């Protein structure tokens, strides 16, 4: 067997094929070598889905509990406490989680990759 014993056959859109051909020609390499280099030099950022789902679930439960306390305070069944700081902290955590997901998605998209590994 030669240097590359495995064979990969795949379908691509005509536009993608033209891009591969153009870039390979510019580099004066074969399409196969271009794809091999693209694979080796790409970076995929993976979100730990299980941990994020657990964190999101816990954050949601905390938010529900805070809302229930606020409702009981408004009904006069509990002595009201100031929950503004707690609400702000929860909102900040949601925003940070969203920013993290977007940052990883953007990094992947810059490299032409857009997916998350499901753990």
C-alpha atoms as a PDB file:
ATOM      1  CA  UNK A   1       0.000   0.000   0.000  1.00  0.00           C
ATOM      2  CA  UNK A   2       1.012   3.574  -0.568  1.00  0.00           C
ATOM      3  CA  UNK A   3       1.398   6.472   1.825  1.00  0.00           C
ATOM      4  CA  UNK A   4      -2.389   6.859   2.197  1.00  0.00           C
ATOM      5  CA  UNK A   5      -4.004   3.398   2.277  1.00  0.00           C
ATOM      6  CA  UNK A   6      -7.519   4.542   3.276  1.00  0.00           C
ATOM      7  CA  UNK A   7      -9.901   5.895   0.661  1.00  0.00           C
ATOM      8  CA  UNK A   8     -12.590   8.522   1.263  1.00  0.00           C
ATOM      9  CA  UNK A   9     -15.330   9.193  -1.235  1.00  0.00           C
ATOM     10  CA  UNK A  10     -17.735  12.006  -0.502  1.00  0.00           C
ATOM     11  CA  UNK A  11     -20.244  14.327  -2.112  1.00  0.00           C
ATOM     12  CA  UNK A  12     -19.876  18.103  -2.033  1.00  0.00           C
ATOM     13  CA  UNK A  13     -21.761  21.002  -3.546  1.00  0.00           C
ATOM     14  CA  UNK A  14     -20.434  22.218  -6.884  1.00  0.00           C
ATOM     15  CA  UNK A  15     -19.498  25.531  -5.244  1.00  0.00           C
ATOM     16  CA  UNK A  16     -17.457  23.723  -2.563  1.00  0.00           C
ATOM     17  CA  UNK A  17     -15.667  21.642  -5.183  1.00  0.00           C
ATOM     18  CA  UNK A  18     -14.747  24.798  -7.091  1.00  0.00           C
ATOM     19  CA  UNK A  19     -13.379  26.388  -3.927  1.00  0.00           C
ATOM     20  CA  UNK A  20     -11.268  23.300  -3.196  1.00  0.00           C
ATOM     21  CA  UNK A  21      -9.987  23.210  -6.763  1.00  0.00           C
ATOM     22  CA  UNK A  22      -9.137  26.941  -6.781  1.00  0.00           C
ATOM     23  CA  UNK A  23      -7.327  26.854  -3.456  1.00  0.00           C
ATOM     24  CA  UNK A  24      -5.457  23.667  -4.305  1.00  0.00           C
ATOM     25  CA  UNK A  25      -4.371  25.193  -7.618  1.00  0.00           C
ATOM     26  CA  UNK A  26      -3.153  28.356  -5.876  1.00  0.00           C
ATOM     27  CA  UNK A  27      -1.048  26.216  -3.536  1.00  0.00           C
ATOM     28  CA  UNK A  28       0.039  23.948  -6.414  1.00  0.00           C
ATOM     29  CA  UNK A  29      -1.097  20.825  -4.595  1.00  0.00           C
ATOM     30  CA  UNK A  30      -3.677  18.149  -5.327  1.00  0.00           C
ATOM     31  CA  UNK A  31      -7.264  18.376  -4.097  1.00  0.00           C
ATOM     32  CA  UNK A  32      -6.561  15.419  -1.820  1.00  0.00           C
ATOM     33  CA  UNK A  33      -3.523  17.127  -0.288  1.00  0.00           C
ATOM     34  CA  UNK A  34      -5.529  20.325   0.171  1.00  0.00           C
ATOM     35  CA  UNK A  35      -8.253  18.461   2.062  1.00  0.00           C
ATOM     36  CA  UNK A  36      -5.657  16.599   4.188  1.00  0.00           C
ATOM     37  CA  UNK A  37      -4.000  19.909   5.125  1.00  0.00           C
ATOM     38  CA  UNK A  38      -7.354  21.552   5.833  1.00  0.00           C
ATOM     39  CA  UNK A  39      -8.271  18.702   8.186  1.00  0.00           C
ATOM     40  CA  UNK A  40      -4.930  18.771   9.995  1.00  0.00           C
ATOM     41  CA  UNK A  41      -4.900  22.552  10.402  1.00  0.00           C
ATOM     42  CA  UNK A  42      -8.505  23.076  11.461  1.00  0.00           C
ATOM     43  CA  UNK A  43      -9.543  23.624  15.051  1.00  0.00           C
ATOM     44  CA  UNK A  44     -12.850  22.441  16.438  1.00  0.00           C
ATOM     45  CA  UNK A  45     -13.999  23.835  19.759  1.00  0.00           C
ATOM     46  CA  UNK A  46     -16.308  21.502  21.613  1.00  0.00           C
ATOM     47  CA  UNK A  47     -18.806  22.479  24.252  1.00  0.00           C
ATOM     48  CA  UNK A  48     -19.135  19.996  27.114  1.00  0.00           C
ATOM     49  CA  UNK A  49     -22.850  19.520  26.455  1.00  0.00           C
ATOM     50  CA  UNK A  50     -23.621  17.399  29.518  1.00  0.00           C
ATOM     51  CA  UNK A  51     -22.059  19.896  31.925  1.00  0.00           C
ATOM     52  CA  UNK A  52     -23.704  22.874  30.223  1.00  0.00           C
ATOM     53  CA  UNK A  53     -27.104  21.163  30.319  1.00  0.00           C
ATOM     54  CA  UNK A  54     -26.651  20.426  34.025  1.00  0.00           C
ATOM     55  CA  UNK A  55     -25.563  24.012  34.716  1.00  0.00           C
ATOM     56  CA  UNK A  56     -28.464  25.417  32.676  1.00  0.00           C
ATOM     57  CA  UNK A  57     -30.935  23.181  34.505  1.00  0.00           C
ATOM     58  CA  UNK A  58     -29.593  24.197  37.915  1.00  0.00           C
ATOM     59  CA  UNK A  59     -29.660  27.875  36.954  1.00  0.00           C
ATOM     60  CA  UNK A  60     -33.255  27.519  35.762  1.00  0.00           C
ATOM     61  CA  UNK A  61     -34.273  25.882  39.076  1.00  0.00           C
ATOM     62  CA  UNK A  62     -32.637  28.690  41.041  1.00  0.00           C
ATOM     63  CA  UNK A  63     -34.511  31.261  38.953  1.00  0.00           C
ATOM     64  CA  UNK A  64     -37.824  29.465  39.562  1.00  0.00           C
ATOM     65  CA  UNK A  65     -37.148  29.406  43.313  1.00  0.00           C
ATOM     66  CA  UNK A  66     -36.344  33.128  43.366  1.00  0.00           C
ATOM     67  CA  UNK A  67     -39.569  33.869  41.456  1.00  0.00           C
ATOM     68  CA  UNK A  68     -41.580  31.764  43.910  1.00  0.00           C
ATOM     69  CA  UNK A  69     -40.077  33.679  46.834  1.00  0.00           C
ATOM     70  CA  UNK A  70     -40.902  36.978  45.114  1.00  0.00           C
ATOM     71  CA  UNK A  71     -44.515  35.849  44.544  1.00  0.00           C
ATOM     72  CA  UNK A  72     -44.895  34.809  48.209  1.00  0.00           C
ATOM     73  CA  UNK A  73     -43.468  38.176  49.287  1.00  0.00           C
ATOM     74  CA  UNK A  74     -45.929  40.013  47.055  1.00  0.00           C
ATOM     75  CA  UNK A  75     -48.788  37.949  48.522  1.00  0.00           C
ATOM     76  CA  UNK A  76     -47.667  38.890  52.023  1.00  0.00           C
ATOM     77  CA  UNK A  77     -46.976  35.275  53.023  1.00  0.00           C
ATOM     78  CA  UNK A  78     -43.249  35.956  53.511  1.00  0.00           C
ATOM     79  CA  UNK A  79     -41.417  38.911  54.920  1.00  0.00           C
ATOM     80  CA  UNK A  80     -39.957  40.557  51.847  1.00  0.00           C
ATOM     81  CA  UNK A  81     -36.252  40.472  51.339  1.00  0.00           C
ATOM     82  CA  UNK A  82     -34.291  42.277  48.673  1.00  0.00           C
ATOM     83  CA  UNK A  83     -33.763  39.765  45.869  1.00  0.00           C
ATOM     84  CA  UNK A  84     -32.448  42.277  43.334  1.00  0.00           C
ATOM     85  CA  UNK A  85     -28.830  41.176  43.779  1.00  0.00           C
ATOM     86  CA  UNK A  86     -29.850  37.542  43.385  1.00  0.00           C
ATOM     87  CA  UNK A  87     -31.858  38.285  40.237  1.00  0.00           C
ATOM     88  CA  UNK A  88     -28.956  40.295  38.823  1.00  0.00           C
ATOM     89  CA  UNK A  89     -26.525  37.444  39.534  1.00  0.00           C
ATOM     90  CA  UNK A  90     -28.800  34.935  37.800  1.00  0.00           C
ATOM     91  CA  UNK A  91     -29.233  37.241  34.804  1.00  0.00           C
ATOM     92  CA  UNK A  92     -25.467  37.748  34.643  1.00  0.00           C
ATOM     93  CA  UNK A  93     -24.890  33.958  34.719  1.00  0.00           C
ATOM     94  CA  UNK A  94     -27.379  33.460  31.843  1.00  0.00           C
ATOM     95  CA  UNK A  95     -25.661  36.183  29.807  1.00  0.00           C
ATOM     96  CA  UNK A  96     -22.204  34.690  30.428  1.00  0.00           C
ATOM     97  CA  UNK A  97     -23.437  31.244  29.408  1.00  0.00           C
ATOM     98  CA  UNK A  98     -24.906  32.701  26.216  1.00  0.00           C
ATOM     99  CA  UNK A  99     -21.665  34.600  25.469  1.00  0.00           C
ATOM    100  CA  UNK A 100     -19.610  31.427  25.979  1.00  0.00           C
ATOM    101  CA  UNK A 101     -21.780  29.455  23.551  1.00  0.00           C
ATOM    102  CA  UNK A 102     -21.656  32.276  20.985  1.00  0.00           C
ATOM    103  CA  UNK A 103     -17.876  32.663  21.300  1.00  0.00           C
ATOM    104  CA  UNK A 104     -17.322  28.959  20.672  1.00  0.00           C
ATOM    105  CA  UNK A 105     -19.829  28.960  17.803  1.00  0.00           C
ATOM    106  CA  UNK A 106     -18.049  31.978  16.243  1.00  0.00           C
ATOM    107  CA  UNK A 107     -14.618  30.361  16.584  1.00  0.00           C
ATOM    108  CA  UNK A 108     -15.904  27.252  14.836  1.00  0.00           C
ATOM    109  CA  UNK A 109     -17.602  29.293  12.093  1.00  0.00           C
ATOM    110  CA  UNK A 110     -14.407  31.218  11.335  1.00  0.00           C
ATOM    111  CA  UNK A 111     -12.760  27.916  10.523  1.00  0.00           C
ATOM    112  CA  UNK A 112     -15.711  26.827   8.418  1.00  0.00           C
ATOM    113  CA  UNK A 113     -16.860  24.418  11.105  1.00  0.00           C
ATOM    114  CA  UNK A 114     -20.118  24.692  12.961  1.00  0.00           C
ATOM    115  CA  UNK A 115     -21.118  21.874  15.271  1.00  0.00           C
ATOM    116  CA  UNK A 116     -21.015  20.836  18.882  1.00  0.00           C
ATOM    117  CA  UNK A 117     -20.014  17.438  20.151  1.00  0.00           C
ATOM    118  CA  UNK A 118     -22.805  15.822  22.126  1.00  0.00           C
ATOM    119  CA  UNK A 119     -21.411  14.157  25.227  1.00  0.00           C
END
